[in-house]
C-alpha atoms as a PDB file:
ATOM      1  CA  MET A   1     -12.660   2.530  -8.460  1.00  0.00           C
ATOM      2  CA  TYR A   2      -9.227   1.145  -7.285  1.00  0.00           C
ATOM      3  CA  TRP A   3     -10.607  -2.210  -8.616  1.00  0.00           C
ATOM      4  CA  GLU A   4     -10.931  -1.263 -11.912  1.00  0.00           C
ATOM      5  CA  VAL A   5      -7.952   0.317 -12.604  1.00  0.00           C
ATOM      6  CA  THR A   6      -6.115  -2.671 -11.476  1.00  0.00           C
ATOM      7  CA  VAL A   7      -7.835  -4.714 -13.868  1.00  0.00           C
ATOM      8  CA  ILE A   8      -7.054  -2.134 -16.783  1.00  0.00           C
ATOM      9  CA  THR A   9      -3.724  -1.939 -15.826  1.00  0.00           C
ATOM     10  CA  ALA A  10      -3.153  -5.335 -15.589  1.00  0.00           C
ATOM     11  CA  GLY A  11      -4.744  -5.696 -19.425  1.00  0.00           C
ATOM     12  CA  LEU A  12      -8.070  -7.124 -17.978  1.00  0.00           C
ATOM     13  CA  ASP A  13     -11.632  -6.307 -18.947  1.00  0.00           C
ATOM     14  CA  PRO A  14     -13.327  -4.647 -15.539  1.00  0.00           C
ATOM     15  CA  ALA A  15     -16.522  -6.279 -17.657  1.00  0.00           C
ATOM     16  CA  ASN A  16     -15.368  -9.787 -17.134  1.00  0.00           C
ATOM     17  CA  THR A  17     -13.224 -10.296 -14.593  1.00  0.00           C
ATOM     18  CA  ASP A  18     -14.273 -11.776 -11.182  1.00  0.00           C
ATOM     19  CA  PRO A  19     -12.788  -9.755  -8.668  1.00  0.00           C
ATOM     20  CA  MET A  20     -12.316 -12.649  -6.601  1.00  0.00           C
ATOM     21  CA  SER A  21     -10.412 -14.480  -9.640  1.00  0.00           C
ATOM     22  CA  LEU A  22      -7.500 -12.182  -8.838  1.00  0.00           C
ATOM     23  CA  THR A  23      -4.528 -12.575  -7.635  1.00  0.00           C
ATOM     24  CA  ASN A  24      -2.142 -11.644  -5.005  1.00  0.00           C
ATOM     25  CA  GLU A  25       0.035 -10.539  -8.524  1.00  0.00           C
ATOM     26  CA  TYR A  26      -2.714  -7.910  -9.179  1.00  0.00           C
ATOM     27  CA  ALA A  27      -2.816  -6.661  -4.923  1.00  0.00           C
ATOM     28  CA  LEU A  28       0.488  -5.276  -5.728  1.00  0.00           C
ATOM     29  CA  ILE A  29      -0.265  -3.893  -8.771  1.00  0.00           C
ATOM     30  CA  SER A  30      -3.342  -1.961  -6.667  1.00  0.00           C
ATOM     31  CA  ALA A  31      -1.047  -1.284  -3.794  1.00  0.00           C
ATOM     32  CA  ALA A  32       1.628   0.165  -6.145  1.00  0.00           C
ATOM     33  CA  TRP A  33      -0.602   2.228  -8.191  1.00  0.00           C
ATOM     34  CA  PHE A  34      -1.730   3.696  -5.225  1.00  0.00           C
ATOM     35  CA  TRP A  35       0.919   4.309  -3.304  1.00  0.00           C
ATOM     36  CA  GLY A  36       2.803   5.686  -6.454  1.00  0.00           C
ATOM     37  CA  GLY A  37      -0.180   8.106  -6.946  1.00  0.00           C
ATOM     38  CA  ARG A  38      -0.100   9.987  -3.600  1.00  0.00           C
ATOM     39  CA  ASN A  39       3.734  10.104  -4.119  1.00  0.00           C
ATOM     40  CA  LEU A  40       4.495   8.117  -0.801  1.00  0.00           C
ATOM     41  CA  ASN A  41       8.048   7.444  -1.610  1.00  0.00           C
ATOM     42  CA  ALA A  42       8.894  11.328  -0.888  1.00  0.00           C
ATOM     43  CA  THR A  43       7.179  10.528   2.818  1.00  0.00           C
ATOM     44  CA  ALA A  44       9.053   7.539   3.199  1.00  0.00           C
ATOM     45  CA  TYR A  45      12.534   8.810   2.210  1.00  0.00           C
ATOM     46  CA  ALA A  46      12.115  11.206   5.681  1.00  0.00           C
ATOM     47  CA  GLY A  47      12.817   7.791   7.730  1.00  0.00           C
ATOM     48  CA  ILE A  48      11.309   4.650   9.572  1.00  0.00           C
ATOM     49  CA  ASP A  49      10.444   6.848  12.389  1.00  0.00           C
ATOM     50  CA  THR A  50       7.111   6.922  14.223  1.00  0.00           C
ATOM     51  CA  ALA A  51       6.393  10.167  12.547  1.00  0.00           C
ATOM     52  CA  THR A  52       6.327   9.114   9.109  1.00  0.00           C
ATOM     53  CA  ILE A  53       4.378   5.482  10.154  1.00  0.00           C
ATOM     54  CA  THR A  54       1.901   7.402  11.475  1.00  0.00           C
ATOM     55  CA  LYS A  55       1.752   9.887   8.301  1.00  0.00           C
ATOM     56  CA  ILE A  56       1.826   7.099   5.730  1.00  0.00           C
ATOM     57  CA  THR A  57      -1.170   4.690   8.522  1.00  0.00           C
ATOM     58  CA  LYS A  58      -3.192   8.393   7.729  1.00  0.00           C
ATOM     59  CA  VAL A  59      -3.105   8.272   3.840  1.00  0.00           C
ATOM     60  CA  ILE A  60      -3.603   4.391   3.637  1.00  0.00           C
ATOM     61  CA  ASN A  61      -6.191   3.880   6.108  1.00  0.00           C
ATOM     62  CA  GLY A  62      -7.755   7.221   7.038  1.00  0.00           C
ATOM     63  CA  GLY A  63      -6.646   6.771  10.125  1.00  0.00           C
ATOM     64  CA  THR A  64      -4.705   5.239  12.705  1.00  0.00           C
ATOM     65  CA  ASN A  65      -5.898   1.751  13.406  1.00  0.00           C
ATOM     66  CA  GLY A  66      -3.487  -0.839  14.184  1.00  0.00           C
ATOM     67  CA  LEU A  67      -0.740   1.978  13.953  1.00  0.00           C
ATOM     68  CA  ASP A  68       1.041   0.511  16.937  1.00  0.00           C
ATOM     69  CA  ASP A  69       1.546  -2.794  15.552  1.00  0.00           C
ATOM     70  CA  ARG A  70       2.362  -1.813  12.639  1.00  0.00           C
ATOM     71  CA  ILE A  71       4.942   0.530  13.814  1.00  0.00           C
ATOM     72  CA  VAL A  72       6.608  -2.302  15.667  1.00  0.00           C
ATOM     73  CA  LYS A  73       6.572  -4.306  12.495  1.00  0.00           C
ATOM     74  CA  ILE A  74       7.988  -2.086  10.309  1.00  0.00           C
ATOM     75  CA  GLN A  75      10.614  -1.539  12.969  1.00  0.00           C
ATOM     76  CA  LYS A  76      11.697  -4.989  13.365  1.00  0.00           C
ATOM     77  CA  TYR A  77      11.790  -5.461   9.172  1.00  0.00           C
ATOM     78  CA  PHE A  78      13.913  -2.631   8.729  1.00  0.00           C
ATOM     79  CA  ASP A  79      16.261  -3.999  12.225  1.00  0.00           C
ATOM     80  CA  LEU A  80      16.402  -7.058  10.056  1.00  0.00           C
ATOM     81  CA  LEU A  81      17.281  -5.552   6.867  1.00  0.00           C
ATOM     82  CA  ALA A  82      20.194  -3.879   8.947  1.00  0.00           C
END
């Protein structure tokens, strides 16, 4: 379903679009649609802490696979921005 929504949002025809031909631009559209459709900004604004990262990870992945690595990377990225 996400693929079809991404293709339609991009103004393409799902019946005539090869999924393998989509670029990073469409991956970003899909991710933004998923993020916005689940109002994850409201959760993200709680802060960059383990609880918030865990909550968002569960929404996106349905579980916590890779969570420890994700927490380390996100905290590293935010330290670079500070």
